[in-house]
Amino acid sequence: MFKSEDIIGDIVFLSFNNEDLFKGIGLPVAAGHFLVKGYDHIGLWVQHPGIIIKKTEDKSGKPLPEDAHTEERIDGVFLVMWNQINTIMHYPNRDGYDLPSEFDKNIGFKKES
């Protein structure tokens, strides 16, 4: 039997009910594949596919020459509320999508028998 917790740590397809929902965080899409980081009673926490901050001005606000522009990639996780989701599709046993369960990792102390 499939349980929602089985998708944590996996890449799933999400279809949103409004493609404008996530424009504010740089995702003007109606659907896509996302790495699920967790879930709760509000919705799914998924990894943002790429937040890039581009520095084009100096500290005083003056434009930098193009060869002095820098980009910083930032990891981010965002919430997709349950009512914003049309469909979730999981790919059991598909290479690169069905990753090892977060719950099966060998973390912490083990009592020896």
C-alpha atoms as a PDB file:
ATOM      1  CA  MET A   1       0.000   0.000   0.000  1.00  0.00           C
ATOM      2  CA  PHE A   2       1.267   3.468  -0.885  1.00  0.00           C
ATOM      3  CA  LYS A   3       1.517   6.121   1.833  1.00  0.00           C
ATOM      4  CA  SER A   4       2.193   9.852   1.441  1.00  0.00           C
ATOM      5  CA  GLU A   5       5.415   9.524   3.427  1.00  0.00           C
ATOM      6  CA  ASP A   6       6.770   7.238   0.664  1.00  0.00           C
ATOM      7  CA  ILE A   7       7.415  10.271  -1.568  1.00  0.00           C
ATOM      8  CA  ILE A   8       9.673  12.111   0.893  1.00  0.00           C
ATOM      9  CA  GLY A   9      13.110  12.287  -0.685  1.00  0.00           C
ATOM     10  CA  ASP A  10      11.766  11.361  -4.144  1.00  0.00           C
ATOM     11  CA  ILE A  11      11.188  13.426  -7.262  1.00  0.00           C
ATOM     12  CA  VAL A  12       7.495  13.623  -8.131  1.00  0.00           C
ATOM     13  CA  PHE A  13       5.400  15.306 -10.785  1.00  0.00           C
ATOM     14  CA  LEU A  14       3.133  18.044  -9.419  1.00  0.00           C
ATOM     15  CA  SER A  15       0.311  19.651 -11.368  1.00  0.00           C
ATOM     16  CA  PHE A  16      -0.889  22.962  -9.927  1.00  0.00           C
ATOM     17  CA  ASN A  17      -4.410  24.329 -10.238  1.00  0.00           C
ATOM     18  CA  ASN A  18      -3.134  27.804 -11.172  1.00  0.00           C
ATOM     19  CA  GLU A  19       0.102  28.449 -13.064  1.00  0.00           C
ATOM     20  CA  ASP A  20       0.377  31.955 -11.567  1.00  0.00           C
ATOM     21  CA  LEU A  21       0.640  30.669  -7.975  1.00  0.00           C
ATOM     22  CA  PHE A  22       4.421  30.568  -7.831  1.00  0.00           C
ATOM     23  CA  LYS A  23       5.430  33.409 -10.173  1.00  0.00           C
ATOM     24  CA  GLY A  24       6.557  35.392  -7.132  1.00  0.00           C
ATOM     25  CA  ILE A  25       9.284  32.835  -6.406  1.00  0.00           C
ATOM     26  CA  GLY A  26      10.389  32.488 -10.021  1.00  0.00           C
ATOM     27  CA  LEU A  27       8.257  29.496 -11.048  1.00  0.00           C
ATOM     28  CA  PRO A  28       5.684  30.537 -13.667  1.00  0.00           C
ATOM     29  CA  VAL A  29       4.682  26.940 -14.382  1.00  0.00           C
ATOM     30  CA  ALA A  30       1.494  24.903 -14.309  1.00  0.00           C
ATOM     31  CA  ALA A  31       3.356  21.668 -13.512  1.00  0.00           C
ATOM     32  CA  GLY A  32       6.800  20.215 -12.999  1.00  0.00           C
ATOM     33  CA  HIS A  33       9.033  17.677 -11.297  1.00  0.00           C
ATOM     34  CA  PHE A  34      10.091  18.506  -7.749  1.00  0.00           C
ATOM     35  CA  LEU A  35      12.127  16.872  -4.991  1.00  0.00           C
ATOM     36  CA  VAL A  36       9.846  16.363  -1.981  1.00  0.00           C
ATOM     37  CA  LYS A  37      11.529  17.380   1.272  1.00  0.00           C
ATOM     38  CA  GLY A  38       8.560  16.773   3.564  1.00  0.00           C
ATOM     39  CA  TYR A  39       4.857  17.180   4.126  1.00  0.00           C
ATOM     40  CA  ASP A  40       2.515  18.275   6.868  1.00  0.00           C
ATOM     41  CA  HIS A  41      -1.161  19.076   7.347  1.00  0.00           C
ATOM     42  CA  ILE A  42      -0.777  22.225   5.197  1.00  0.00           C
ATOM     43  CA  GLY A  43       0.885  20.688   2.145  1.00  0.00           C
ATOM     44  CA  LEU A  44       4.079  19.457   0.504  1.00  0.00           C
ATOM     45  CA  TRP A  45       7.492  21.019   1.087  1.00  0.00           C
ATOM     46  CA  VAL A  46       9.468  20.775  -2.146  1.00  0.00           C
ATOM     47  CA  GLN A  47      12.909  21.918  -3.202  1.00  0.00           C
ATOM     48  CA  HIS A  48      13.013  24.989  -5.414  1.00  0.00           C
ATOM     49  CA  PRO A  49      14.756  24.013  -8.674  1.00  0.00           C
ATOM     50  CA  GLY A  50      17.047  27.033  -8.636  1.00  0.00           C
ATOM     51  CA  ILE A  51      17.108  30.407  -6.955  1.00  0.00           C
ATOM     52  CA  ILE A  52      19.779  32.614  -8.474  1.00  0.00           C
ATOM     53  CA  ILE A  53      20.604  36.027  -7.023  1.00  0.00           C
ATOM     54  CA  LYS A  54      22.433  38.194  -9.526  1.00  0.00           C
ATOM     55  CA  LYS A  55      24.484  41.106  -8.201  1.00  0.00           C
ATOM     56  CA  THR A  56      24.556  43.915 -10.757  1.00  0.00           C
ATOM     57  CA  GLU A  57      25.106  46.952  -8.492  1.00  0.00           C
ATOM     58  CA  ASP A  58      27.748  47.948  -5.978  1.00  0.00           C
ATOM     59  CA  LYS A  59      27.013  48.827  -2.333  1.00  0.00           C
ATOM     60  CA  SER A  60      26.109  52.397  -3.243  1.00  0.00           C
ATOM     61  CA  GLY A  61      23.618  51.277  -5.900  1.00  0.00           C
ATOM     62  CA  LYS A  62      25.742  52.095  -8.941  1.00  0.00           C
ATOM     63  CA  PRO A  63      25.645  49.612 -11.827  1.00  0.00           C
ATOM     64  CA  LEU A  64      28.606  47.262 -12.069  1.00  0.00           C
ATOM     65  CA  PRO A  65      30.301  46.581 -15.402  1.00  0.00           C
ATOM     66  CA  GLU A  66      28.930  43.397 -16.960  1.00  0.00           C
ATOM     67  CA  ASP A  67      32.170  41.466 -16.375  1.00  0.00           C
ATOM     68  CA  ALA A  68      31.856  42.230 -12.630  1.00  0.00           C
ATOM     69  CA  HIS A  69      28.335  40.796 -12.278  1.00  0.00           C
ATOM     70  CA  THR A  70      28.133  37.816  -9.952  1.00  0.00           C
ATOM     71  CA  GLU A  71      25.548  35.087  -9.439  1.00  0.00           C
ATOM     72  CA  GLU A  72      24.820  33.185  -6.261  1.00  0.00           C
ATOM     73  CA  ARG A  73      22.802  29.990  -6.304  1.00  0.00           C
ATOM     74  CA  ILE A  74      20.701  29.554  -3.173  1.00  0.00           C
ATOM     75  CA  ASP A  75      19.011  26.374  -1.987  1.00  0.00           C
ATOM     76  CA  GLY A  76      15.373  26.874  -1.109  1.00  0.00           C
ATOM     77  CA  VAL A  77      12.359  24.861  -0.076  1.00  0.00           C
ATOM     78  CA  PHE A  78       8.821  26.093  -0.606  1.00  0.00           C
ATOM     79  CA  LEU A  79       5.362  25.017   0.465  1.00  0.00           C
ATOM     80  CA  VAL A  80       2.742  23.840  -2.002  1.00  0.00           C
ATOM     81  CA  MET A  81      -0.525  23.776  -0.101  1.00  0.00           C
ATOM     82  CA  TRP A  82      -2.785  20.775  -0.628  1.00  0.00           C
ATOM     83  CA  ASN A  83      -5.506  22.944  -2.182  1.00  0.00           C
ATOM     84  CA  GLN A  84      -3.023  24.195  -4.829  1.00  0.00           C
ATOM     85  CA  ILE A  85      -2.321  20.693  -6.161  1.00  0.00           C
ATOM     86  CA  ASN A  86      -4.309  19.010  -8.941  1.00  0.00           C
ATOM     87  CA  THR A  87      -2.229  15.860  -9.253  1.00  0.00           C
ATOM     88  CA  ILE A  88       0.787  14.173  -7.694  1.00  0.00           C
ATOM     89  CA  MET A  89       2.447  11.436  -9.712  1.00  0.00           C
ATOM     90  CA  HIS A  90       5.118   9.240  -8.103  1.00  0.00           C
ATOM     91  CA  TYR A  91       7.457   6.977 -10.069  1.00  0.00           C
ATOM     92  CA  PRO A  92       8.151   3.866  -7.968  1.00  0.00           C
ATOM     93  CA  ASN A  93      11.405   2.138  -8.898  1.00  0.00           C
ATOM     94  CA  ARG A  94      12.303   4.686 -11.622  1.00  0.00           C
ATOM     95  CA  ASP A  95      16.032   5.497 -11.647  1.00  0.00           C
ATOM     96  CA  GLY A  96      16.740   9.044 -10.584  1.00  0.00           C
ATOM     97  CA  TYR A  97      13.216   9.633  -9.257  1.00  0.00           C
ATOM     98  CA  ASP A  98      12.581   6.973  -6.607  1.00  0.00           C
ATOM     99  CA  LEU A  99      15.439   7.665  -4.204  1.00  0.00           C
ATOM    100  CA  PRO A 100      16.248   5.867  -0.933  1.00  0.00           C
ATOM    101  CA  SER A 101      13.741   6.586   1.813  1.00  0.00           C
ATOM    102  CA  GLU A 102      14.664   9.185   4.388  1.00  0.00           C
ATOM    103  CA  PHE A 103      13.275   6.771   6.983  1.00  0.00           C
ATOM    104  CA  ASP A 104      15.584   3.896   6.004  1.00  0.00           C
ATOM    105  CA  LYS A 105      18.849   5.793   6.529  1.00  0.00           C
ATOM    106  CA  ASN A 106      21.178   4.382   9.133  1.00  0.00           C
ATOM    107  CA  ILE A 107      21.366   7.435  11.427  1.00  0.00           C
ATOM    108  CA  GLY A 108      21.841   7.560  15.180  1.00  0.00           C
ATOM    109  CA  PHE A 109      22.863   5.039  17.780  1.00  0.00           C
ATOM    110  CA  LYS A 110      22.039   1.371  17.451  1.00  0.00           C
ATOM    111  CA  LYS A 111      21.730  -0.910  20.459  1.00  0.00           C
ATOM    112  CA  GLU A 112      23.908  -3.970  20.121  1.00  0.00           C
ATOM    113  CA  SER A 113      22.249  -7.311  20.815  1.00  0.00           C
END
